[in-house]
Amino acid sequence: MALFSSTKTYAEHLPSDTPVTDPVPLPSIPTGERAVIERWDALPDAMRERLFTLGLAPGETIVLERKMLFRGPVVVAFQSQRFALRYEEAKHLLVRIG
């Protein structure tokens, strides 16, 4: 028996009436959830510039529309736009649900 056998994300472990107050990686929130980008975590400068150019900056409200299997791309929507981000990029976007 594995010590940590759960495949649930951080947000899924919380009771539904408990607000998430600490920032969590974007891919860990449930699909369809609205979140505010809190900060970028350990991204190269070129990637920060790309995300900023797209409008994915701290303080922006986004909706996680879709998550692909096997740590594939995630689709986010904001300001009437949709973008797909690689999982490796998305995990560095720390968001606050709400």
Protein backbone atom coordinates (compact mmCIF):
# COMPACT_ATOMS: atom_id res chain seq x y z
CA MET A 1 0.00 0.00 0.00
CA ALA A 2 1.40 3.37 -1.01
CA LEU A 3 1.89 5.96 1.68
CA PHE A 4 0.35 8.72 -0.46
CA SER A 5 -2.13 6.98 -2.73
CA SER A 6 -4.56 9.87 -3.24
CA THR A 7 -4.77 11.41 -6.69
CA LYS A 8 -6.92 14.35 -5.55
CA THR A 9 -5.65 17.88 -5.99
CA TYR A 10 -5.17 20.27 -3.09
CA ALA A 11 -8.48 22.02 -3.77
CA GLU A 12 -10.38 18.71 -3.94
CA HIS A 13 -9.23 17.75 -0.43
CA LEU A 14 -10.92 20.79 1.09
CA PRO A 15 -14.55 20.71 2.19
CA SER A 16 -16.72 22.49 -0.36
CA ASP A 17 -17.63 25.28 2.09
CA THR A 18 -14.00 26.02 2.99
CA PRO A 19 -12.54 28.97 1.03
CA VAL A 20 -9.04 28.52 -0.32
CA THR A 21 -7.03 31.41 1.06
CA ASP A 22 -3.52 30.37 0.06
CA PRO A 23 -2.50 30.60 -3.60
CA VAL A 24 -2.46 27.24 -5.39
CA PRO A 25 -1.05 26.21 -8.79
CA LEU A 26 -3.53 26.81 -11.61
CA PRO A 27 -3.81 23.14 -12.70
CA SER A 28 -4.84 22.10 -9.17
CA ILE A 29 -8.16 23.98 -9.19
CA PRO A 30 -11.35 22.34 -10.49
CA THR A 31 -12.40 22.82 -14.10
CA GLY A 32 -14.86 25.69 -14.47
CA GLU A 33 -13.53 27.48 -11.38
CA ARG A 34 -12.95 31.25 -11.43
CA ALA A 35 -9.63 32.37 -9.92
CA VAL A 36 -7.44 35.45 -9.60
CA ILE A 37 -3.77 35.22 -10.55
CA GLU A 38 -1.84 35.93 -7.37
CA ARG A 39 1.71 35.68 -8.74
CA TRP A 40 4.06 33.82 -11.05
CA ASP A 41 6.39 31.37 -9.39
CA ALA A 42 9.88 30.67 -10.76
CA LEU A 43 9.25 31.44 -14.41
CA PRO A 44 12.02 32.42 -16.82
CA ASP A 45 11.95 36.08 -17.88
CA ALA A 46 10.94 35.22 -21.46
CA MET A 47 7.91 33.27 -20.21
CA ARG A 48 6.91 36.07 -17.82
CA GLU A 49 7.04 38.53 -20.71
CA ARG A 50 4.95 36.22 -22.90
CA LEU A 51 2.27 35.75 -20.22
CA PHE A 52 2.22 39.47 -19.50
CA THR A 53 1.82 40.22 -23.22
CA LEU A 54 -1.14 37.80 -23.35
CA GLY A 55 -2.68 39.59 -20.38
CA LEU A 56 -2.09 36.82 -17.83
CA ALA A 57 -0.72 39.14 -15.17
CA PRO A 58 -1.15 39.14 -11.39
CA GLY A 59 -4.56 40.49 -10.44
CA GLU A 60 -6.27 39.16 -13.59
CA THR A 61 -9.41 37.02 -13.12
CA ILE A 62 -9.42 33.83 -15.19
CA VAL A 63 -11.56 30.72 -15.58
CA LEU A 64 -9.97 27.29 -15.92
CA GLU A 65 -12.05 25.89 -18.78
CA ARG A 66 -10.35 22.61 -19.51
CA LYS A 67 -7.54 20.32 -18.36
CA MET A 68 -6.14 17.69 -20.71
CA LEU A 69 -5.14 14.24 -19.49
CA PHE A 70 -1.67 13.24 -18.40
CA ARG A 71 -0.54 16.76 -17.48
CA GLY A 72 -1.41 18.05 -20.90
CA PRO A 73 -2.30 21.65 -21.71
CA VAL A 74 -4.86 23.64 -19.72
CA VAL A 75 -7.28 26.08 -21.33
CA VAL A 76 -7.96 29.37 -19.57
CA ALA A 77 -10.48 32.05 -20.48
CA PHE A 78 -10.34 35.74 -19.59
CA GLN A 79 -11.32 39.06 -21.17
CA SER A 80 -13.33 37.20 -23.87
CA GLN A 81 -10.18 35.29 -24.93
CA ARG A 82 -9.08 31.66 -24.61
CA PHE A 83 -5.53 30.39 -24.36
CA ALA A 84 -3.97 26.97 -23.95
CA LEU A 85 -0.95 26.80 -21.69
CA ARG A 86 1.42 23.89 -21.29
CA TYR A 87 1.11 22.20 -17.92
CA GLU A 88 4.72 23.14 -17.17
CA GLU A 89 3.83 26.83 -17.64
CA ALA A 90 0.44 26.67 -15.92
CA LYS A 91 1.81 25.11 -12.73
CA HIS A 92 3.84 28.28 -12.13
CA LEU A 93 0.72 30.48 -12.12
CA LEU A 94 -0.37 30.68 -8.50
CA VAL A 95 -4.04 31.58 -8.18
CA ARG A 96 -6.56 32.35 -5.48
CA ILE A 97 -10.01 30.82 -5.98
CA GLY A 98 -12.87 33.25 -5.88
